[in-house]
Amino acid sequence: MQTENIKKQFNKEEFKRKLYSFILRLIEFIDNLPKDRVSYIIGDQLLRSGTSILGNYIEGQSASSKKEFLIFIQYCLKSSNESKVWVALLRDSKRTSKEKADPFLKELDEYSNIFASSILTIKGKRSI
């Protein structure tokens, strides 16, 4: 049992580090957008939704109940999905290249899938 708890804790820490690294790359991506009004506004929205993924995940780790934890994970999912929209808009409006945007979209898809799966597991509808 103790080994399983250590494994779960390691995975949580590893996932937090992965999210943190993702946000740092996202910040650099946003900093390199063109310096025009549309890029600034969409970049600002992306910065808010992207950093919200990490913030809500970390806050959820100290939730006082399963219900509260579920709420934070649902916010993570919503922020991840919102971030995909902003990255796609930047790509499709030619404010960044497909080569720069697509890796972010792929990683955000992975996060969305992880959060959605976690939500189903927490609700008892499916196990991972």
C-alpha atoms as a PDB file:
ATOM      1  CA  MET A   1       0.000   0.000   0.000  1.00  0.00           C
ATOM      2  CA  GLN A   2       2.781   2.416   0.913  1.00  0.00           C
ATOM      3  CA  THR A   3       4.537   1.706  -2.406  1.00  0.00           C
ATOM      4  CA  GLU A   4       1.316   2.515  -4.268  1.00  0.00           C
ATOM      5  CA  ASN A   5       0.992   5.827  -2.378  1.00  0.00           C
ATOM      6  CA  ILE A   6       4.599   6.709  -3.254  1.00  0.00           C
ATOM      7  CA  LYS A   7       3.925   5.856  -6.916  1.00  0.00           C
ATOM      8  CA  LYS A   8       0.788   8.031  -6.965  1.00  0.00           C
ATOM      9  CA  GLN A   9       2.663  10.890  -5.278  1.00  0.00           C
ATOM     10  CA  PHE A  10       5.526  10.623  -7.778  1.00  0.00           C
ATOM     11  CA  ASN A  11       3.082  10.715 -10.669  1.00  0.00           C
ATOM     12  CA  LYS A  12       1.399  13.813  -9.232  1.00  0.00           C
ATOM     13  CA  GLU A  13       4.754  15.535  -8.811  1.00  0.00           C
ATOM     14  CA  GLU A  14       5.865  14.476 -12.281  1.00  0.00           C
ATOM     15  CA  PHE A  15       2.597  15.739 -13.771  1.00  0.00           C
ATOM     16  CA  LYS A  16       2.975  19.070 -11.941  1.00  0.00           C
ATOM     17  CA  ARG A  17       6.507  19.454 -13.333  1.00  0.00           C
ATOM     18  CA  LYS A  18       5.241  18.617 -16.816  1.00  0.00           C
ATOM     19  CA  LEU A  19       2.477  21.239 -16.548  1.00  0.00           C
ATOM     20  CA  TYR A  20       4.946  23.785 -15.190  1.00  0.00           C
ATOM     21  CA  SER A  21       7.327  23.172 -18.085  1.00  0.00           C
ATOM     22  CA  PHE A  22       4.432  23.445 -20.533  1.00  0.00           C
ATOM     23  CA  ILE A  23       3.434  26.835 -19.092  1.00  0.00           C
ATOM     24  CA  LEU A  24       6.998  28.131 -19.367  1.00  0.00           C
ATOM     25  CA  ARG A  25       7.071  27.139 -23.047  1.00  0.00           C
ATOM     26  CA  LEU A  26       3.628  28.703 -23.522  1.00  0.00           C
ATOM     27  CA  ILE A  27       4.866  31.985 -22.035  1.00  0.00           C
ATOM     28  CA  GLU A  28       7.805  31.995 -24.447  1.00  0.00           C
ATOM     29  CA  PHE A  29       5.412  31.219 -27.328  1.00  0.00           C
ATOM     30  CA  ILE A  30       3.186  34.157 -26.340  1.00  0.00           C
ATOM     31  CA  ASP A  31       6.193  36.480 -25.956  1.00  0.00           C
ATOM     32  CA  ASN A  32       7.202  35.699 -29.551  1.00  0.00           C
ATOM     33  CA  LEU A  33       3.834  36.547 -31.100  1.00  0.00           C
ATOM     34  CA  PRO A  34       3.648  39.558 -33.433  1.00  0.00           C
ATOM     35  CA  LYS A  35       3.293  42.870 -31.635  1.00  0.00           C
ATOM     36  CA  ASP A  36      -0.171  43.736 -32.932  1.00  0.00           C
ATOM     37  CA  ARG A  37      -3.484  44.309 -31.177  1.00  0.00           C
ATOM     38  CA  VAL A  38      -5.100  40.957 -32.074  1.00  0.00           C
ATOM     39  CA  SER A  39      -2.019  38.959 -31.053  1.00  0.00           C
ATOM     40  CA  TYR A  40      -1.884  40.856 -27.769  1.00  0.00           C
ATOM     41  CA  ILE A  41      -5.550  40.227 -26.940  1.00  0.00           C
ATOM     42  CA  ILE A  42      -5.569  36.561 -27.931  1.00  0.00           C
ATOM     43  CA  GLY A  43      -2.150  36.059 -26.323  1.00  0.00           C
ATOM     44  CA  ASP A  44      -3.469  37.574 -23.102  1.00  0.00           C
ATOM     45  CA  GLN A  45      -6.461  35.217 -23.140  1.00  0.00           C
ATOM     46  CA  LEU A  46      -4.148  32.272 -23.816  1.00  0.00           C
ATOM     47  CA  LEU A  47      -1.857  33.299 -20.963  1.00  0.00           C
ATOM     48  CA  ARG A  48      -4.831  33.420 -18.583  1.00  0.00           C
ATOM     49  CA  SER A  49      -6.361  30.101 -19.646  1.00  0.00           C
ATOM     50  CA  GLY A  50      -3.005  28.335 -19.919  1.00  0.00           C
ATOM     51  CA  THR A  51      -1.733  29.367 -16.501  1.00  0.00           C
ATOM     52  CA  SER A  52      -5.141  28.525 -15.051  1.00  0.00           C
ATOM     53  CA  ILE A  53      -4.558  24.864 -15.913  1.00  0.00           C
ATOM     54  CA  LEU A  54      -1.537  24.684 -13.621  1.00  0.00           C
ATOM     55  CA  GLY A  55      -3.007  26.930 -10.928  1.00  0.00           C
ATOM     56  CA  ASN A  56      -6.185  24.922 -10.611  1.00  0.00           C
ATOM     57  CA  TYR A  57      -4.335  21.611 -10.676  1.00  0.00           C
ATOM     58  CA  ILE A  58      -2.054  22.687  -7.821  1.00  0.00           C
ATOM     59  CA  GLU A  59      -4.945  24.134  -5.848  1.00  0.00           C
ATOM     60  CA  GLY A  60      -6.898  20.921  -6.380  1.00  0.00           C
ATOM     61  CA  GLN A  61      -4.085  18.953  -4.742  1.00  0.00           C
ATOM     62  CA  SER A  62      -4.926  20.601  -1.448  1.00  0.00           C
ATOM     63  CA  ALA A  63      -8.691  20.267  -1.800  1.00  0.00           C
ATOM     64  CA  SER A  64     -10.481  19.336   1.398  1.00  0.00           C
ATOM     65  CA  SER A  65     -12.907  16.916  -0.227  1.00  0.00           C
ATOM     66  CA  LYS A  66     -13.406  14.737  -3.274  1.00  0.00           C
ATOM     67  CA  LYS A  67     -16.129  17.119  -4.468  1.00  0.00           C
ATOM     68  CA  GLU A  68     -13.835  20.137  -4.170  1.00  0.00           C
ATOM     69  CA  PHE A  69     -11.040  18.253  -5.977  1.00  0.00           C
ATOM     70  CA  LEU A  70     -13.471  17.383  -8.783  1.00  0.00           C
ATOM     71  CA  ILE A  71     -14.364  21.050  -9.224  1.00  0.00           C
ATOM     72  CA  PHE A  72     -10.695  22.024  -9.642  1.00  0.00           C
ATOM     73  CA  ILE A  73     -10.089  19.227 -12.168  1.00  0.00           C
ATOM     74  CA  GLN A  74     -13.158  20.379 -14.104  1.00  0.00           C
ATOM     75  CA  TYR A  75     -11.670  23.896 -14.198  1.00  0.00           C
ATOM     76  CA  CYS A  76      -8.422  22.372 -15.507  1.00  0.00           C
ATOM     77  CA  LEU A  77     -10.354  20.683 -18.310  1.00  0.00           C
ATOM     78  CA  LYS A  78     -12.210  23.869 -19.205  1.00  0.00           C
ATOM     79  CA  SER A  79      -9.009  25.925 -19.230  1.00  0.00           C
ATOM     80  CA  SER A  80      -7.231  23.333 -21.350  1.00  0.00           C
ATOM     81  CA  ASN A  81     -10.058  23.323 -23.884  1.00  0.00           C
ATOM     82  CA  GLU A  82     -10.198  27.119 -23.919  1.00  0.00           C
ATOM     83  CA  SER A  83      -6.448  27.287 -24.498  1.00  0.00           C
ATOM     84  CA  LYS A  84      -6.816  25.058 -27.563  1.00  0.00           C
ATOM     85  CA  VAL A  85      -9.212  27.603 -29.081  1.00  0.00           C
ATOM     86  CA  TRP A  86      -6.786  30.496 -28.568  1.00  0.00           C
ATOM     87  CA  VAL A  87      -3.812  28.582 -30.017  1.00  0.00           C
ATOM     88  CA  ALA A  88      -5.909  27.485 -33.020  1.00  0.00           C
ATOM     89  CA  LEU A  89      -7.038  31.080 -33.612  1.00  0.00           C
ATOM     90  CA  LEU A  90      -3.452  32.319 -33.514  1.00  0.00           C
ATOM     91  CA  ARG A  91      -2.462  29.615 -36.008  1.00  0.00           C
ATOM     92  CA  ASP A  92      -5.434  30.078 -38.319  1.00  0.00           C
ATOM     93  CA  SER A  93      -5.136  33.876 -38.309  1.00  0.00           C
ATOM     94  CA  LYS A  94      -1.497  33.423 -39.378  1.00  0.00           C
ATOM     95  CA  ARG A  95      -0.095  35.047 -36.254  1.00  0.00           C
ATOM     96  CA  THR A  96       1.998  31.938 -35.691  1.00  0.00           C
ATOM     97  CA  SER A  97       2.976  28.999 -37.825  1.00  0.00           C
ATOM     98  CA  LYS A  98       1.385  25.586 -37.874  1.00  0.00           C
ATOM     99  CA  GLU A  99       4.753  24.143 -36.812  1.00  0.00           C
ATOM    100  CA  LYS A 100       4.792  26.286 -33.666  1.00  0.00           C
ATOM    101  CA  ALA A 101       1.108  25.923 -32.773  1.00  0.00           C
ATOM    102  CA  ASP A 102       0.461  22.237 -33.419  1.00  0.00           C
ATOM    103  CA  PRO A 103       2.740  20.874 -30.663  1.00  0.00           C
ATOM    104  CA  PHE A 104       0.848  23.036 -28.161  1.00  0.00           C
ATOM    105  CA  LEU A 105      -2.479  21.799 -29.513  1.00  0.00           C
ATOM    106  CA  LYS A 106      -1.305  18.203 -29.238  1.00  0.00           C
ATOM    107  CA  GLU A 107      -0.136  18.648 -25.663  1.00  0.00           C
ATOM    108  CA  LEU A 108      -3.336  20.459 -24.709  1.00  0.00           C
ATOM    109  CA  ASP A 109      -5.314  17.553 -26.191  1.00  0.00           C
ATOM    110  CA  GLU A 110      -3.336  15.189 -23.976  1.00  0.00           C
ATOM    111  CA  TYR A 111      -4.082  17.293 -20.904  1.00  0.00           C
ATOM    112  CA  SER A 112      -7.765  17.514 -21.798  1.00  0.00           C
ATOM    113  CA  ASN A 113      -7.904  13.731 -22.136  1.00  0.00           C
ATOM    114  CA  ILE A 114      -6.164  13.246 -18.785  1.00  0.00           C
ATOM    115  CA  PHE A 115      -8.509  15.658 -17.018  1.00  0.00           C
ATOM    116  CA  ALA A 116     -11.623  14.200 -18.680  1.00  0.00           C
ATOM    117  CA  SER A 117     -10.555  10.685 -17.737  1.00  0.00           C
ATOM    118  CA  SER A 118      -9.865  11.822 -14.176  1.00  0.00           C
ATOM    119  CA  ILE A 119     -13.304  13.397 -13.933  1.00  0.00           C
ATOM    120  CA  LEU A 120     -14.958  10.164 -15.050  1.00  0.00           C
ATOM    121  CA  THR A 121     -12.878   8.182 -12.568  1.00  0.00           C
ATOM    122  CA  ILE A 122     -13.703  10.530  -9.706  1.00  0.00           C
ATOM    123  CA  LYS A 123     -17.382  10.312 -10.549  1.00  0.00           C
ATOM    124  CA  GLY A 124     -17.038   6.528 -10.512  1.00  0.00           C
ATOM    125  CA  LYS A 125     -18.059   6.096 -14.142  1.00  0.00           C
ATOM    126  CA  ARG A 126     -14.794   4.571 -15.307  1.00  0.00           C
ATOM    127  CA  SER A 127     -11.450   3.599 -13.928  1.00  0.00           C
ATOM    128  CA  ILE A 128      -8.134   4.547 -15.444  1.00  0.00           C
END
